[in-house]
Amino acid sequence: MIRKSFKMRLYEGMAQEYEKRHNELWPEMQDMIHEHGGHNYSIFLDEETNVLYGYIEIEDEERWAKSADTAINRKWWDFMADIMETNQDNSPVSVDLKPVFHLD
């Protein structure tokens, strides 16, 4: 597995709504994540800064990259665009984090 981590930013006051939407994650979105090799996905929030920290394990970088172009993923991005920083295509502004330590 390949471990990936990244950060995104919520708009002020949107933490509760963000958590609600993820607690109600669409089954089609869950299926797409798994179909594209995503596992053990977690997102953490720093409440002081509204920065989200994501962690996911993927099977293959190329396969995972294709998930961005699925219809369900684009629909999810559109659904989330009103509560977080996004790019022009409504994808979340996301910055990959450099791994510096891991212990099994």
C-alpha atoms as a PDB file:
ATOM      1  CA  MET A   1       0.000   0.000   0.000  1.00  0.00           C
ATOM      2  CA  ILE A   2       1.013   3.569  -0.664  1.00  0.00           C
ATOM      3  CA  ARG A   3       0.312   5.984   2.203  1.00  0.00           C
ATOM      4  CA  LYS A   4      -0.828   9.463   1.162  1.00  0.00           C
ATOM      5  CA  SER A   5      -1.570  12.500   3.281  1.00  0.00           C
ATOM      6  CA  PHE A   6      -2.825  15.930   2.300  1.00  0.00           C
ATOM      7  CA  LYS A   7      -4.369  19.080   3.701  1.00  0.00           C
ATOM      8  CA  MET A   8      -7.408  21.142   2.711  1.00  0.00           C
ATOM      9  CA  ARG A   9      -9.193  24.103   4.298  1.00  0.00           C
ATOM     10  CA  LEU A  10     -12.783  24.591   5.430  1.00  0.00           C
ATOM     11  CA  TYR A  11     -14.568  27.907   5.420  1.00  0.00           C
ATOM     12  CA  GLU A  12     -15.144  29.392   8.867  1.00  0.00           C
ATOM     13  CA  GLY A  13     -18.095  27.840  10.685  1.00  0.00           C
ATOM     14  CA  MET A  14     -18.409  24.843   8.338  1.00  0.00           C
ATOM     15  CA  ALA A  15     -16.849  22.093  10.484  1.00  0.00           C
ATOM     16  CA  GLN A  16     -20.158  20.666  11.695  1.00  0.00           C
ATOM     17  CA  GLU A  17     -21.614  20.613   8.178  1.00  0.00           C
ATOM     18  CA  TYR A  18     -18.460  18.998   6.789  1.00  0.00           C
ATOM     19  CA  GLU A  19     -18.622  16.240   9.384  1.00  0.00           C
ATOM     20  CA  LYS A  20     -22.361  15.729   8.775  1.00  0.00           C
ATOM     21  CA  ARG A  21     -21.869  15.328   5.040  1.00  0.00           C
ATOM     22  CA  HIS A  22     -19.092  12.796   5.553  1.00  0.00           C
ATOM     23  CA  ASN A  23     -21.104  10.862   8.115  1.00  0.00           C
ATOM     24  CA  GLU A  24     -23.737  10.559   5.374  1.00  0.00           C
ATOM     25  CA  LEU A  25     -21.228   9.720   2.630  1.00  0.00           C
ATOM     26  CA  TRP A  26     -23.055   8.419  -0.408  1.00  0.00           C
ATOM     27  CA  PRO A  27     -22.693   4.643  -0.969  1.00  0.00           C
ATOM     28  CA  GLU A  28     -21.680   5.330  -4.594  1.00  0.00           C
ATOM     29  CA  MET A  29     -18.816   7.499  -3.347  1.00  0.00           C
ATOM     30  CA  GLN A  30     -17.668   4.809  -0.938  1.00  0.00           C
ATOM     31  CA  ASP A  31     -17.785   2.252  -3.752  1.00  0.00           C
ATOM     32  CA  MET A  32     -15.793   4.514  -6.079  1.00  0.00           C
ATOM     33  CA  ILE A  33     -13.052   5.016  -3.470  1.00  0.00           C
ATOM     34  CA  HIS A  34     -12.711   1.268  -2.997  1.00  0.00           C
ATOM     35  CA  GLU A  35     -12.936   0.529  -6.742  1.00  0.00           C
ATOM     36  CA  HIS A  36     -10.006   2.893  -7.335  1.00  0.00           C
ATOM     37  CA  GLY A  37      -7.867   1.218  -4.679  1.00  0.00           C
ATOM     38  CA  GLY A  38      -8.489   3.539  -1.715  1.00  0.00           C
ATOM     39  CA  HIS A  39      -8.462   2.059   1.800  1.00  0.00           C
ATOM     40  CA  ASN A  40      -8.157   3.159   5.406  1.00  0.00           C
ATOM     41  CA  TYR A  41      -9.291   6.730   4.615  1.00  0.00           C
ATOM     42  CA  SER A  42      -9.378   9.238   7.480  1.00  0.00           C
ATOM     43  CA  ILE A  43      -9.790  13.008   7.643  1.00  0.00           C
ATOM     44  CA  PHE A  44      -8.880  15.055  10.731  1.00  0.00           C
ATOM     45  CA  LEU A  45      -9.737  18.677  11.520  1.00  0.00           C
ATOM     46  CA  ASP A  46      -7.575  21.245  13.280  1.00  0.00           C
ATOM     47  CA  GLU A  47     -10.354  23.330  14.822  1.00  0.00           C
ATOM     48  CA  GLU A  48      -8.056  26.301  15.470  1.00  0.00           C
ATOM     49  CA  THR A  49      -7.151  26.749  11.798  1.00  0.00           C
ATOM     50  CA  ASN A  50      -9.996  24.960   9.907  1.00  0.00           C
ATOM     51  CA  VAL A  51      -7.331  22.869   8.185  1.00  0.00           C
ATOM     52  CA  LEU A  52      -8.350  19.327   7.289  1.00  0.00           C
ATOM     53  CA  TYR A  53      -5.695  16.611   7.222  1.00  0.00           C
ATOM     54  CA  GLY A  54      -6.486  13.588   5.090  1.00  0.00           C
ATOM     55  CA  TYR A  55      -4.851  10.173   5.150  1.00  0.00           C
ATOM     56  CA  ILE A  56      -5.510   7.361   2.705  1.00  0.00           C
ATOM     57  CA  GLU A  57      -3.799   4.175   1.663  1.00  0.00           C
ATOM     58  CA  ILE A  58      -3.951   3.431  -2.056  1.00  0.00           C
ATOM     59  CA  GLU A  59      -2.962   0.448  -4.140  1.00  0.00           C
ATOM     60  CA  ASP A  60      -1.635   2.321  -7.184  1.00  0.00           C
ATOM     61  CA  GLU A  61      -1.030   6.032  -7.926  1.00  0.00           C
ATOM     62  CA  GLU A  62      -2.278   5.877 -11.528  1.00  0.00           C
ATOM     63  CA  ARG A  63      -5.452   3.986 -10.601  1.00  0.00           C
ATOM     64  CA  TRP A  64      -6.162   6.410  -7.755  1.00  0.00           C
ATOM     65  CA  ALA A  65      -5.603   9.449  -9.993  1.00  0.00           C
ATOM     66  CA  LYS A  66      -8.378   8.204 -12.294  1.00  0.00           C
ATOM     67  CA  SER A  67     -10.882   8.528  -9.440  1.00  0.00           C
ATOM     68  CA  ALA A  68     -10.872  12.316  -9.885  1.00  0.00           C
ATOM     69  CA  ASP A  69     -12.505  11.965 -13.305  1.00  0.00           C
ATOM     70  CA  THR A  70     -15.453   9.828 -12.214  1.00  0.00           C
ATOM     71  CA  ALA A  71     -18.946  11.314 -12.399  1.00  0.00           C
ATOM     72  CA  ILE A  72     -19.636  10.553  -8.725  1.00  0.00           C
ATOM     73  CA  ASN A  73     -16.440  12.273  -7.622  1.00  0.00           C
ATOM     74  CA  ARG A  74     -17.279  15.387  -9.672  1.00  0.00           C
ATOM     75  CA  LYS A  75     -20.764  15.376  -8.133  1.00  0.00           C
ATOM     76  CA  TRP A  76     -19.193  15.154  -4.634  1.00  0.00           C
ATOM     77  CA  TRP A  77     -16.858  18.055  -5.370  1.00  0.00           C
ATOM     78  CA  ASP A  78     -19.826  20.172  -6.469  1.00  0.00           C
ATOM     79  CA  PHE A  79     -21.714  19.177  -3.300  1.00  0.00           C
ATOM     80  CA  MET A  80     -18.802  20.197  -1.059  1.00  0.00           C
ATOM     81  CA  ALA A  81     -17.771  23.405  -2.870  1.00  0.00           C
ATOM     82  CA  ASP A  82     -19.896  25.704  -0.707  1.00  0.00           C
ATOM     83  CA  ILE A  83     -18.119  24.796   2.539  1.00  0.00           C
ATOM     84  CA  MET A  84     -14.433  24.588   1.622  1.00  0.00           C
ATOM     85  CA  GLU A  85     -11.725  26.154  -0.510  1.00  0.00           C
ATOM     86  CA  THR A  86     -11.906  24.835  -4.064  1.00  0.00           C
ATOM     87  CA  ASN A  87     -10.297  25.236  -7.460  1.00  0.00           C
ATOM     88  CA  GLN A  88     -12.261  26.470 -10.496  1.00  0.00           C
ATOM     89  CA  ASP A  89     -13.451  22.914 -11.265  1.00  0.00           C
ATOM     90  CA  ASN A  90     -14.736  22.602  -7.647  1.00  0.00           C
ATOM     91  CA  SER A  91     -11.986  20.155  -6.709  1.00  0.00           C
ATOM     92  CA  PRO A  92     -10.770  20.911  -3.194  1.00  0.00           C
ATOM     93  CA  VAL A  93      -7.617  22.950  -2.900  1.00  0.00           C
ATOM     94  CA  SER A  94      -5.396  20.156  -1.648  1.00  0.00           C
ATOM     95  CA  VAL A  95      -1.714  20.146  -0.747  1.00  0.00           C
ATOM     96  CA  ASP A  96       0.138  16.843  -0.470  1.00  0.00           C
ATOM     97  CA  LEU A  97       2.085  16.409   2.738  1.00  0.00           C
ATOM     98  CA  LYS A  98       5.607  15.011   2.768  1.00  0.00           C
ATOM     99  CA  PRO A  99       5.999  11.824   4.798  1.00  0.00           C
ATOM    100  CA  VAL A 100       8.738  12.183   7.409  1.00  0.00           C
ATOM    101  CA  PHE A 101       8.129   9.267   9.792  1.00  0.00           C
ATOM    102  CA  HIS A 102       6.221   5.990   9.932  1.00  0.00           C
ATOM    103  CA  LEU A 103       6.158   3.174  12.469  1.00  0.00           C
ATOM    104  CA  ASP A 104       4.187  -0.077  12.140  1.00  0.00           C
END
